[in-house]
Amino acid sequence: MTQTDRYLTISATAFAVVAIAHVVRAIEQWTIVIGPWPVPIALSWIAAVATAGLSGWAFSLLGGRQR
């Protein structure tokens, strides 16, 4: 496994974990407040889609390198 493969694996896994955390937060309706601003649940859905996309992209790059 090359350094690039390790980087892609770690990045893809980290983004997947963050995506799962956003989905769980949205489903469970956990409240997050940053200073005086309550973070809307919709923002977690948007972040989940974005981070899942980044994870998928990294995994696809990794898969393409292993052919």
C-alpha atoms as a PDB file:
ATOM      1  CA  MET A   1       0.000   0.000   0.000  1.00  0.00           C
ATOM      2  CA  THR A   2       1.457   3.332  -1.058  1.00  0.00           C
ATOM      3  CA  GLN A   3       1.276   6.568   0.880  1.00  0.00           C
ATOM      4  CA  THR A   4      -1.400   7.832  -1.516  1.00  0.00           C
ATOM      5  CA  ASP A   5      -3.483   4.710  -0.910  1.00  0.00           C
ATOM      6  CA  ARG A   6      -3.194   5.230   2.843  1.00  0.00           C
ATOM      7  CA  TYR A   7      -4.162   8.883   2.484  1.00  0.00           C
ATOM      8  CA  LEU A   8      -7.230   8.017   0.396  1.00  0.00           C
ATOM      9  CA  THR A   9      -8.272   5.257   2.799  1.00  0.00           C
ATOM     10  CA  ILE A  10      -7.966   7.498   5.849  1.00  0.00           C
ATOM     11  CA  SER A  11      -9.710  10.425   4.121  1.00  0.00           C
ATOM     12  CA  ALA A  12     -12.568   8.289   2.821  1.00  0.00           C
ATOM     13  CA  THR A  13     -13.089   6.658   6.210  1.00  0.00           C
ATOM     14  CA  ALA A  14     -12.965   9.965   8.082  1.00  0.00           C
ATOM     15  CA  PHE A  15     -15.509  11.553   5.729  1.00  0.00           C
ATOM     16  CA  ALA A  16     -17.754   8.480   6.061  1.00  0.00           C
ATOM     17  CA  VAL A  17     -17.672   8.726   9.867  1.00  0.00           C
ATOM     18  CA  VAL A  18     -18.548  12.423   9.720  1.00  0.00           C
ATOM     19  CA  ALA A  19     -21.404  11.709   7.277  1.00  0.00           C
ATOM     20  CA  ILE A  20     -22.794   9.034   9.603  1.00  0.00           C
ATOM     21  CA  ALA A  21     -22.544  11.429  12.559  1.00  0.00           C
ATOM     22  CA  HIS A  22     -24.525  14.064  10.640  1.00  0.00           C
ATOM     23  CA  VAL A  23     -27.230  11.552   9.705  1.00  0.00           C
ATOM     24  CA  VAL A  24     -27.516  10.334  13.299  1.00  0.00           C
ATOM     25  CA  ARG A  25     -27.700  13.922  14.532  1.00  0.00           C
ATOM     26  CA  ALA A  26     -30.473  14.699  12.043  1.00  0.00           C
ATOM     27  CA  ILE A  27     -32.481  11.552  12.791  1.00  0.00           C
ATOM     28  CA  GLU A  28     -32.151  11.884  16.566  1.00  0.00           C
ATOM     29  CA  GLN A  29     -32.856  15.654  16.393  1.00  0.00           C
ATOM     30  CA  TRP A  30     -29.876  16.504  18.579  1.00  0.00           C
ATOM     31  CA  THR A  31     -29.590  20.207  19.319  1.00  0.00           C
ATOM     32  CA  ILE A  32     -26.319  21.947  18.584  1.00  0.00           C
ATOM     33  CA  VAL A  33     -25.788  25.573  19.559  1.00  0.00           C
ATOM     34  CA  ILE A  34     -22.734  27.537  18.472  1.00  0.00           C
ATOM     35  CA  GLY A  35     -22.624  30.698  20.516  1.00  0.00           C
ATOM     36  CA  PRO A  36     -26.107  32.212  20.232  1.00  0.00           C
ATOM     37  CA  TRP A  37     -26.897  30.339  16.980  1.00  0.00           C
ATOM     38  CA  PRO A  38     -28.853  27.044  17.053  1.00  0.00           C
ATOM     39  CA  VAL A  39     -27.638  24.949  14.106  1.00  0.00           C
ATOM     40  CA  PRO A  40     -30.607  23.859  11.964  1.00  0.00           C
ATOM     41  CA  ILE A  41     -31.173  20.129  11.360  1.00  0.00           C
ATOM     42  CA  ALA A  42     -31.298  20.822   7.606  1.00  0.00           C
ATOM     43  CA  LEU A  43     -27.645  21.843   7.770  1.00  0.00           C
ATOM     44  CA  SER A  44     -26.763  18.359   9.012  1.00  0.00           C
ATOM     45  CA  TRP A  45     -28.567  16.792   6.045  1.00  0.00           C
ATOM     46  CA  ILE A  46     -26.636  19.041   3.658  1.00  0.00           C
ATOM     47  CA  ALA A  47     -23.359  18.261   5.425  1.00  0.00           C
ATOM     48  CA  ALA A  48     -24.166  14.530   5.370  1.00  0.00           C
ATOM     49  CA  VAL A  49     -24.655  14.584   1.605  1.00  0.00           C
ATOM     50  CA  ALA A  50     -21.476  16.615   1.088  1.00  0.00           C
ATOM     51  CA  THR A  51     -19.285  14.450   3.306  1.00  0.00           C
ATOM     52  CA  ALA A  52     -20.767  11.224   1.914  1.00  0.00           C
ATOM     53  CA  GLY A  53     -19.924  12.519  -1.561  1.00  0.00           C
ATOM     54  CA  LEU A  54     -16.352  13.264  -0.542  1.00  0.00           C
ATOM     55  CA  SER A  55     -16.065   9.816   1.025  1.00  0.00           C
ATOM     56  CA  GLY A  56     -17.410   8.142  -2.095  1.00  0.00           C
ATOM     57  CA  TRP A  57     -15.063  10.160  -4.267  1.00  0.00           C
ATOM     58  CA  ALA A  58     -12.037   9.143  -2.186  1.00  0.00           C
ATOM     59  CA  PHE A  59     -13.102   5.471  -2.204  1.00  0.00           C
ATOM     60  CA  SER A  60     -13.605   5.600  -5.988  1.00  0.00           C
ATOM     61  CA  LEU A  61     -10.150   7.093  -6.468  1.00  0.00           C
ATOM     62  CA  LEU A  62      -8.741   4.371  -4.261  1.00  0.00           C
ATOM     63  CA  GLY A  63     -10.556   1.684  -6.235  1.00  0.00           C
ATOM     64  CA  GLY A  64      -9.283   3.112  -9.507  1.00  0.00           C
ATOM     65  CA  ARG A  65      -5.707   3.002  -8.262  1.00  0.00           C
ATOM     66  CA  GLN A  66      -5.885  -0.684  -7.305  1.00  0.00           C
ATOM     67  CA  ARG A  67      -6.801  -1.962 -10.782  1.00  0.00           C
END
